[in-house]
Amino acid sequence: FFACPDLVQAQWGIAWTVTVDPLTLAYS
C-alpha cells in the first residue's frame, strides 16, 4: 500500500505491506 501525505508534492511511499492468500479475494 502506498501513501502520500501531500497530494500536491506527490511524494508517495510504501506505508504497509501484507502477504495475502490470493484465494480469499479480499483484504481489509
PDB file of all heavy atoms in Angstrom:
ATOM      1  N   PHE A   1       0.857  -1.180   0.000  1.00  0.00           N
ATOM      2  CA  PHE A   1       0.000   0.000   0.000  1.00  0.00           C
ATOM      3  C   PHE A   1       0.899   1.238   0.000  1.00  0.00           C
ATOM      4  O   PHE A   1       1.786   1.351   0.838  1.00  0.00           O
ATOM      5  CB  PHE A   1      -0.887   0.041   1.252  1.00  0.00           C
ATOM      6  CG  PHE A   1      -2.006  -0.958   1.243  1.00  0.00           C
ATOM      7  CD1 PHE A   1      -1.794  -2.257   1.685  1.00  0.00           C
ATOM      8  CD2 PHE A   1      -3.271  -0.603   0.799  1.00  0.00           C
ATOM      9  CE1 PHE A   1      -2.820  -3.184   1.675  1.00  0.00           C
ATOM     10  CE2 PHE A   1      -4.302  -1.522   0.789  1.00  0.00           C
ATOM     11  CZ  PHE A   1      -4.078  -2.823   1.228  1.00  0.00           C
ATOM     12  N   PHE A   2       0.662   2.139  -0.943  1.00  0.00           N
ATOM     13  CA  PHE A   2       1.426   3.381  -0.998  1.00  0.00           C
ATOM     14  C   PHE A   2       0.573   4.520  -0.451  1.00  0.00           C
ATOM     15  O   PHE A   2      -0.638   4.568  -0.682  1.00  0.00           O
ATOM     16  CB  PHE A   2       1.831   3.690  -2.446  1.00  0.00           C
ATOM     17  CG  PHE A   2       2.913   2.805  -2.970  1.00  0.00           C
ATOM     18  CD1 PHE A   2       2.633   1.521  -3.394  1.00  0.00           C
ATOM     19  CD2 PHE A   2       4.227   3.245  -3.026  1.00  0.00           C
ATOM     20  CE1 PHE A   2       3.639   0.676  -3.879  1.00  0.00           C
ATOM     21  CE2 PHE A   2       5.244   2.424  -3.516  1.00  0.00           C
ATOM     22  CZ  PHE A   2       4.939   1.141  -3.938  1.00  0.00           C
ATOM     23  N   ALA A   3       1.208   5.429   0.278  1.00  0.00           N
ATOM     24  CA  ALA A   3       0.504   6.567   0.857  1.00  0.00           C
ATOM     25  C   ALA A   3       1.248   7.848   0.515  1.00  0.00           C
ATOM     26  O   ALA A   3       2.449   7.837   0.223  1.00  0.00           O
ATOM     27  CB  ALA A   3       0.393   6.415   2.364  1.00  0.00           C
ATOM     28  N   CYS A   4       0.517   8.944   0.565  1.00  0.00           N
ATOM     29  CA  CYS A   4       1.107  10.246   0.254  1.00  0.00           C
ATOM     30  C   CYS A   4       0.543  11.293   1.217  1.00  0.00           C
ATOM     31  O   CYS A   4      -0.664  11.510   1.262  1.00  0.00           O
ATOM     32  CB  CYS A   4       0.781  10.624  -1.186  1.00  0.00           C
ATOM     33  SG  CYS A   4       1.391  12.238  -1.669  1.00  0.00           S
ATOM     34  N   PRO A   5       1.386  11.955   2.002  1.00  0.00           N
ATOM     35  CA  PRO A   5       0.897  12.960   2.950  1.00  0.00           C
ATOM     36  C   PRO A   5       0.515  14.277   2.289  1.00  0.00           C
ATOM     37  O   PRO A   5      -0.180  15.091   2.876  1.00  0.00           O
ATOM     38  CB  PRO A   5       2.069  13.144   3.907  1.00  0.00           C
ATOM     39  CG  PRO A   5       3.265  12.802   3.093  1.00  0.00           C
ATOM     40  CD  PRO A   5       2.830  11.734   2.133  1.00  0.00           C
ATOM     41  N   ASP A   6       0.976  14.476   1.054  1.00  0.00           N
ATOM     42  CA  ASP A   6       0.712  15.740   0.357  1.00  0.00           C
ATOM     43  C   ASP A   6       0.520  15.441  -1.128  1.00  0.00           C
ATOM     44  O   ASP A   6       1.478  15.149  -1.854  1.00  0.00           O
ATOM     45  CB  ASP A   6       1.894  16.696   0.556  1.00  0.00           C
ATOM     46  CG  ASP A   6       1.624  18.080  -0.037  1.00  0.00           C
ATOM     47  OD1 ASP A   6       0.708  18.203  -0.884  1.00  0.00           O
ATOM     48  OD2 ASP A   6       2.323  19.025   0.347  1.00  0.00           O
ATOM     49  N   LEU A   7      -0.716  15.526  -1.602  1.00  0.00           N
ATOM     50  CA  LEU A   7      -1.001  15.188  -2.997  1.00  0.00           C
ATOM     51  C   LEU A   7      -0.425  16.199  -3.981  1.00  0.00           C
ATOM     52  O   LEU A   7      -0.230  15.893  -5.153  1.00  0.00           O
ATOM     53  CB  LEU A   7      -2.514  15.067  -3.206  1.00  0.00           C
ATOM     54  CG  LEU A   7      -3.180  13.882  -2.511  1.00  0.00           C
ATOM     55  CD1 LEU A   7      -4.688  13.941  -2.703  1.00  0.00           C
ATOM     56  CD2 LEU A   7      -2.636  12.568  -3.049  1.00  0.00           C
ATOM     57  N   VAL A   8      -0.152  17.402  -3.508  1.00  0.00           N
ATOM     58  CA  VAL A   8       0.442  18.410  -4.385  1.00  0.00           C
ATOM     59  C   VAL A   8       1.900  18.042  -4.675  1.00  0.00           C
ATOM     60  O   VAL A   8       2.358  18.070  -5.824  1.00  0.00           O
ATOM     61  CB  VAL A   8       0.356  19.814  -3.754  1.00  0.00           C
ATOM     62  CG1 VAL A   8       1.079  20.830  -4.637  1.00  0.00           C
ATOM     63  CG2 VAL A   8      -1.102  20.211  -3.565  1.00  0.00           C
ATOM     64  N   GLN A   9       2.635  17.695  -3.621  1.00  0.00           N
ATOM     65  CA  GLN A   9       4.027  17.291  -3.796  1.00  0.00           C
ATOM     66  C   GLN A   9       4.130  15.887  -4.401  1.00  0.00           C
ATOM     67  O   GLN A   9       5.106  15.549  -5.058  1.00  0.00           O
ATOM     68  CB  GLN A   9       4.766  17.316  -2.453  1.00  0.00           C
ATOM     69  CG  GLN A   9       4.851  18.691  -1.821  1.00  0.00           C
ATOM     70  CD  GLN A   9       5.680  19.647  -2.647  1.00  0.00           C
ATOM     71  OE1 GLN A   9       6.661  19.255  -3.279  1.00  0.00           O
ATOM     72  NE2 GLN A   9       5.293  20.917  -2.673  1.00  0.00           N
ATOM     73  N   ALA A  10       3.092  15.067  -4.141  1.00  0.00           N
ATOM     74  CA  ALA A  10       3.014  13.701  -4.685  1.00  0.00           C
ATOM     75  C   ALA A  10       4.230  12.848  -4.325  1.00  0.00           C
ATOM     76  O   ALA A  10       4.805  12.165  -5.162  1.00  0.00           O
ATOM     77  CB  ALA A  10       2.819  13.740  -6.189  1.00  0.00           C
ATOM     78  N   GLN A  11       4.611  12.923  -3.070  1.00  0.00           N
ATOM     79  CA  GLN A  11       5.724  12.093  -2.599  1.00  0.00           C
ATOM     80  C   GLN A  11       5.163  10.796  -2.012  1.00  0.00           C
ATOM     81  O   GLN A  11       4.892  10.694  -0.823  1.00  0.00           O
ATOM     82  CB  GLN A  11       6.553  12.855  -1.565  1.00  0.00           C
ATOM     83  CG  GLN A  11       7.218  14.094  -2.140  1.00  0.00           C
ATOM     84  CD  GLN A  11       7.957  14.888  -1.081  1.00  0.00           C
ATOM     85  OE1 GLN A  11       7.712  14.746   0.112  1.00  0.00           O
ATOM     86  NE2 GLN A  11       8.868  15.738  -1.523  1.00  0.00           N
ATOM     87  N   TRP A  12       5.009   9.809  -2.875  1.00  0.00           N
ATOM     88  CA  TRP A  12       4.406   8.545  -2.468  1.00  0.00           C
ATOM     89  C   TRP A  12       5.462   7.620  -1.870  1.00  0.00           C
ATOM     90  O   TRP A  12       6.607   7.599  -2.293  1.00  0.00           O
ATOM     91  CB  TRP A  12       3.746   7.866  -3.672  1.00  0.00           C
ATOM     92  CG  TRP A  12       2.550   8.612  -4.177  1.00  0.00           C
ATOM     93  CD1 TRP A  12       2.534   9.641  -5.077  1.00  0.00           C
ATOM     94  CD2 TRP A  12       1.197   8.394  -3.793  1.00  0.00           C
ATOM     95  NE1 TRP A  12       1.252  10.082  -5.281  1.00  0.00           N
ATOM     96  CE2 TRP A  12       0.401   9.327  -4.502  1.00  0.00           C
ATOM     97  CE3 TRP A  12       0.548   7.506  -2.926  1.00  0.00           C
ATOM     98  CZ2 TRP A  12      -0.976   9.397  -4.379  1.00  0.00           C
ATOM     99  CZ3 TRP A  12      -0.818   7.569  -2.803  1.00  0.00           C
ATOM    100  CH2 TRP A  12      -1.575   8.509  -3.508  1.00  0.00           C
ATOM    101  N   GLY A  13       5.040   6.852  -0.890  1.00  0.00           N
ATOM    102  CA  GLY A  13       5.941   5.869  -0.273  1.00  0.00           C
ATOM    103  C   GLY A  13       5.145   4.688   0.251  1.00  0.00           C
ATOM    104  O   GLY A  13       3.935   4.782   0.481  1.00  0.00           O
ATOM    105  N   ILE A  14       5.803   3.558   0.437  1.00  0.00           N
ATOM    106  CA  ILE A  14       5.125   2.365   0.953  1.00  0.00           C
ATOM    107  C   ILE A  14       4.756   2.580   2.414  1.00  0.00           C
ATOM    108  O   ILE A  14       5.604   2.895   3.252  1.00  0.00           O
ATOM    109  CB  ILE A  14       6.022   1.120   0.818  1.00  0.00           C
ATOM    110  CG1 ILE A  14       6.297   0.809  -0.654  1.00  0.00           C
ATOM    111  CG2 ILE A  14       5.363  -0.091   1.481  1.00  0.00           C
ATOM    112  CD1 ILE A  14       7.218  -0.367  -0.875  1.00  0.00           C
ATOM    113  N   ALA A  15       3.486   2.431   2.721  1.00  0.00           N
ATOM    114  CA  ALA A  15       3.013   2.594   4.093  1.00  0.00           C
ATOM    115  C   ALA A  15       2.763   1.257   4.777  1.00  0.00           C
ATOM    116  O   ALA A  15       2.785   1.157   5.996  1.00  0.00           O
ATOM    117  CB  ALA A  15       1.721   3.416   4.099  1.00  0.00           C
ATOM    118  N   TRP A  16       2.509   0.226   3.985  1.00  0.00           N
ATOM    119  CA  TRP A  16       2.074  -1.042   4.578  1.00  0.00           C
ATOM    120  C   TRP A  16       2.290  -2.151   3.566  1.00  0.00           C
ATOM    121  O   TRP A  16       2.018  -1.995   2.376  1.00  0.00           O
ATOM    122  CB  TRP A  16       0.593  -0.945   4.940  1.00  0.00           C
ATOM    123  CG  TRP A  16       0.011  -2.074   5.732  1.00  0.00           C
ATOM    124  CD1 TRP A  16      -0.913  -2.985   5.311  1.00  0.00           C
ATOM    125  CD2 TRP A  16       0.269  -2.399   7.091  1.00  0.00           C
ATOM    126  NE1 TRP A  16      -1.236  -3.846   6.319  1.00  0.00           N
ATOM    127  CE2 TRP A  16      -0.528  -3.515   7.431  1.00  0.00           C
ATOM    128  CE3 TRP A  16       1.104  -1.865   8.069  1.00  0.00           C
ATOM    129  CZ2 TRP A  16      -0.515  -4.100   8.696  1.00  0.00           C
ATOM    130  CZ3 TRP A  16       1.120  -2.443   9.323  1.00  0.00           C
ATOM    131  CH2 TRP A  16       0.321  -3.536   9.637  1.00  0.00           C
ATOM    132  N   THR A  17       2.793  -3.275   4.005  1.00  0.00           N
ATOM    133  CA  THR A  17       2.962  -4.449   3.160  1.00  0.00           C
ATOM    134  C   THR A  17       2.234  -5.612   3.810  1.00  0.00           C
ATOM    135  O   THR A  17       2.259  -5.764   5.036  1.00  0.00           O
ATOM    136  CB  THR A  17       4.455  -4.790   2.984  1.00  0.00           C
ATOM    137  OG1 THR A  17       5.135  -3.677   2.405  1.00  0.00           O
ATOM    138  CG2 THR A  17       4.642  -5.994   2.070  1.00  0.00           C
ATOM    139  N   VAL A  18       1.587  -6.414   3.001  1.00  0.00           N
ATOM    140  CA  VAL A  18       0.831  -7.542   3.545  1.00  0.00           C
ATOM    141  C   VAL A  18       0.979  -8.749   2.632  1.00  0.00           C
ATOM    142  O   VAL A  18       1.075  -8.605   1.408  1.00  0.00           O
ATOM    143  CB  VAL A  18      -0.668  -7.181   3.719  1.00  0.00           C
ATOM    144  CG1 VAL A  18      -1.307  -6.830   2.381  1.00  0.00           C
ATOM    145  CG2 VAL A  18      -1.439  -8.335   4.367  1.00  0.00           C
ATOM    146  N   THR A  19       1.047  -9.923   3.225  1.00  0.00           N
ATOM    147  CA  THR A  19       1.012 -11.170   2.477  1.00  0.00           C
ATOM    148  C   THR A  19      -0.400 -11.722   2.572  1.00  0.00           C
ATOM    149  O   THR A  19      -0.900 -11.956   3.675  1.00  0.00           O
ATOM    150  CB  THR A  19       2.016 -12.189   3.044  1.00  0.00           C
ATOM    151  OG1 THR A  19       3.332 -11.625   2.972  1.00  0.00           O
ATOM    152  CG2 THR A  19       1.991 -13.487   2.249  1.00  0.00           C
ATOM    153  N   VAL A  20      -1.056 -11.904   1.432  1.00  0.00           N
ATOM    154  CA  VAL A  20      -2.438 -12.374   1.417  1.00  0.00           C
ATOM    155  C   VAL A  20      -2.519 -13.731   0.733  1.00  0.00           C
ATOM    156  O   VAL A  20      -1.598 -14.147   0.027  1.00  0.00           O
ATOM    157  CB  VAL A  20      -3.369 -11.384   0.668  1.00  0.00           C
ATOM    158  CG1 VAL A  20      -3.369 -10.027   1.338  1.00  0.00           C
ATOM    159  CG2 VAL A  20      -2.960 -11.254  -0.796  1.00  0.00           C
ATOM    160  N   ASP A  21      -3.616 -14.407   0.962  1.00  0.00           N
ATOM    161  CA  ASP A  21      -3.937 -15.621   0.220  1.00  0.00           C
ATOM    162  C   ASP A  21      -4.754 -15.184  -0.997  1.00  0.00           C
ATOM    163  O   ASP A  21      -5.862 -14.680  -0.831  1.00  0.00           O
ATOM    164  CB  ASP A  21      -4.743 -16.571   1.107  1.00  0.00           C
ATOM    165  CG  ASP A  21      -5.123 -17.863   0.385  1.00  0.00           C
ATOM    166  OD1 ASP A  21      -4.920 -17.942  -0.840  1.00  0.00           O
ATOM    167  OD2 ASP A  21      -5.628 -18.783   1.048  1.00  0.00           O
ATOM    168  N   PRO A  22      -4.240 -15.334  -2.226  1.00  0.00           N
ATOM    169  CA  PRO A  22      -4.994 -14.868  -3.410  1.00  0.00           C
ATOM    170  C   PRO A  22      -6.388 -15.462  -3.511  1.00  0.00           C
ATOM    171  O   PRO A  22      -7.267 -14.865  -4.130  1.00  0.00           O
ATOM    172  CB  PRO A  22      -4.114 -15.323  -4.580  1.00  0.00           C
ATOM    173  CG  PRO A  22      -2.730 -15.368  -4.019  1.00  0.00           C
ATOM    174  CD  PRO A  22      -2.911 -15.846  -2.597  1.00  0.00           C
ATOM    175  N   LEU A  23      -6.624 -16.611  -2.873  1.00  0.00           N
ATOM    176  CA  LEU A  23      -7.932 -17.259  -2.966  1.00  0.00           C
ATOM    177  C   LEU A  23      -8.984 -16.609  -2.076  1.00  0.00           C
ATOM    178  O   LEU A  23     -10.172 -16.880  -2.209  1.00  0.00           O
ATOM    179  CB  LEU A  23      -7.811 -18.745  -2.615  1.00  0.00           C
ATOM    180  CG  LEU A  23      -6.918 -19.581  -3.546  1.00  0.00           C
ATOM    181  CD1 LEU A  23      -6.844 -21.025  -3.057  1.00  0.00           C
ATOM    182  CD2 LEU A  23      -7.434 -19.532  -4.976  1.00  0.00           C
ATOM    183  N   THR A  24      -8.552 -15.738  -1.138  1.00  0.00           N
ATOM    184  CA  THR A  24      -9.536 -15.108  -0.249  1.00  0.00           C
ATOM    185  C   THR A  24     -10.327 -14.014  -0.954  1.00  0.00           C
ATOM    186  O   THR A  24     -11.418 -13.662  -0.524  1.00  0.00           O
ATOM    187  CB  THR A  24      -8.849 -14.496   0.981  1.00  0.00           C
ATOM    188  OG1 THR A  24      -7.881 -13.527   0.562  1.00  0.00           O
ATOM    189  CG2 THR A  24      -8.157 -15.576   1.805  1.00  0.00           C
ATOM    190  N   LEU A  25      -9.752 -13.426  -2.012  1.00  0.00           N
ATOM    191  CA  LEU A  25     -10.420 -12.447  -2.876  1.00  0.00           C
ATOM    192  C   LEU A  25     -10.647 -11.087  -2.232  1.00  0.00           C
ATOM    193  O   LEU A  25     -11.266 -10.212  -2.841  1.00  0.00           O
ATOM    194  CB  LEU A  25     -11.764 -12.992  -3.400  1.00  0.00           C
ATOM    195  CG  LEU A  25     -11.711 -14.360  -4.092  1.00  0.00           C
ATOM    196  CD1 LEU A  25     -13.104 -14.731  -4.603  1.00  0.00           C
ATOM    197  CD2 LEU A  25     -10.694 -14.360  -5.225  1.00  0.00           C
ATOM    198  N   ALA A  26     -10.182 -10.868  -1.007  1.00  0.00           N
ATOM    199  CA  ALA A  26     -10.359  -9.552  -0.380  1.00  0.00           C
ATOM    200  C   ALA A  26      -9.406  -9.407   0.802  1.00  0.00           C
ATOM    201  O   ALA A  26      -8.893 -10.393   1.341  1.00  0.00           O
ATOM    202  CB  ALA A  26     -11.801  -9.358   0.081  1.00  0.00           C
ATOM    203  N   TYR A  27      -9.193  -8.150   1.214  1.00  0.00           N
ATOM    204  CA  TYR A  27      -8.350  -7.857   2.374  1.00  0.00           C
ATOM    205  C   TYR A  27      -8.807  -6.533   2.964  1.00  0.00           C
ATOM    206  O   TYR A  27      -9.173  -5.608   2.236  1.00  0.00           O
ATOM    207  CB  TYR A  27      -6.877  -7.765   1.972  1.00  0.00           C
ATOM    208  CG  TYR A  27      -5.971  -7.276   3.075  1.00  0.00           C
ATOM    209  CD1 TYR A  27      -5.649  -8.094   4.158  1.00  0.00           C
ATOM    210  CD2 TYR A  27      -5.444  -5.986   3.047  1.00  0.00           C
ATOM    211  CE1 TYR A  27      -4.820  -7.638   5.171  1.00  0.00           C
ATOM    212  CE2 TYR A  27      -4.619  -5.526   4.050  1.00  0.00           C
ATOM    213  CZ  TYR A  27      -4.305  -6.357   5.119  1.00  0.00           C
ATOM    214  OH  TYR A  27      -3.496  -5.901   6.138  1.00  0.00           O
ATOM    215  N   SER A  28      -8.791  -6.454   4.291  1.00  0.00           N
ATOM    216  CA  SER A  28      -9.205  -5.235   4.989  1.00  0.00           C
ATOM    217  C   SER A  28      -8.087  -4.776   5.907  1.00  0.00           C
ATOM    218  O   SER A  28      -7.466  -5.591   6.606  1.00  0.00           O
ATOM    219  CB  SER A  28     -10.479  -5.518   5.800  1.00  0.00           C
ATOM    220  OG  SER A  28     -10.868  -4.371   6.528  1.00  0.00           O
TER     221      SER A  28
END
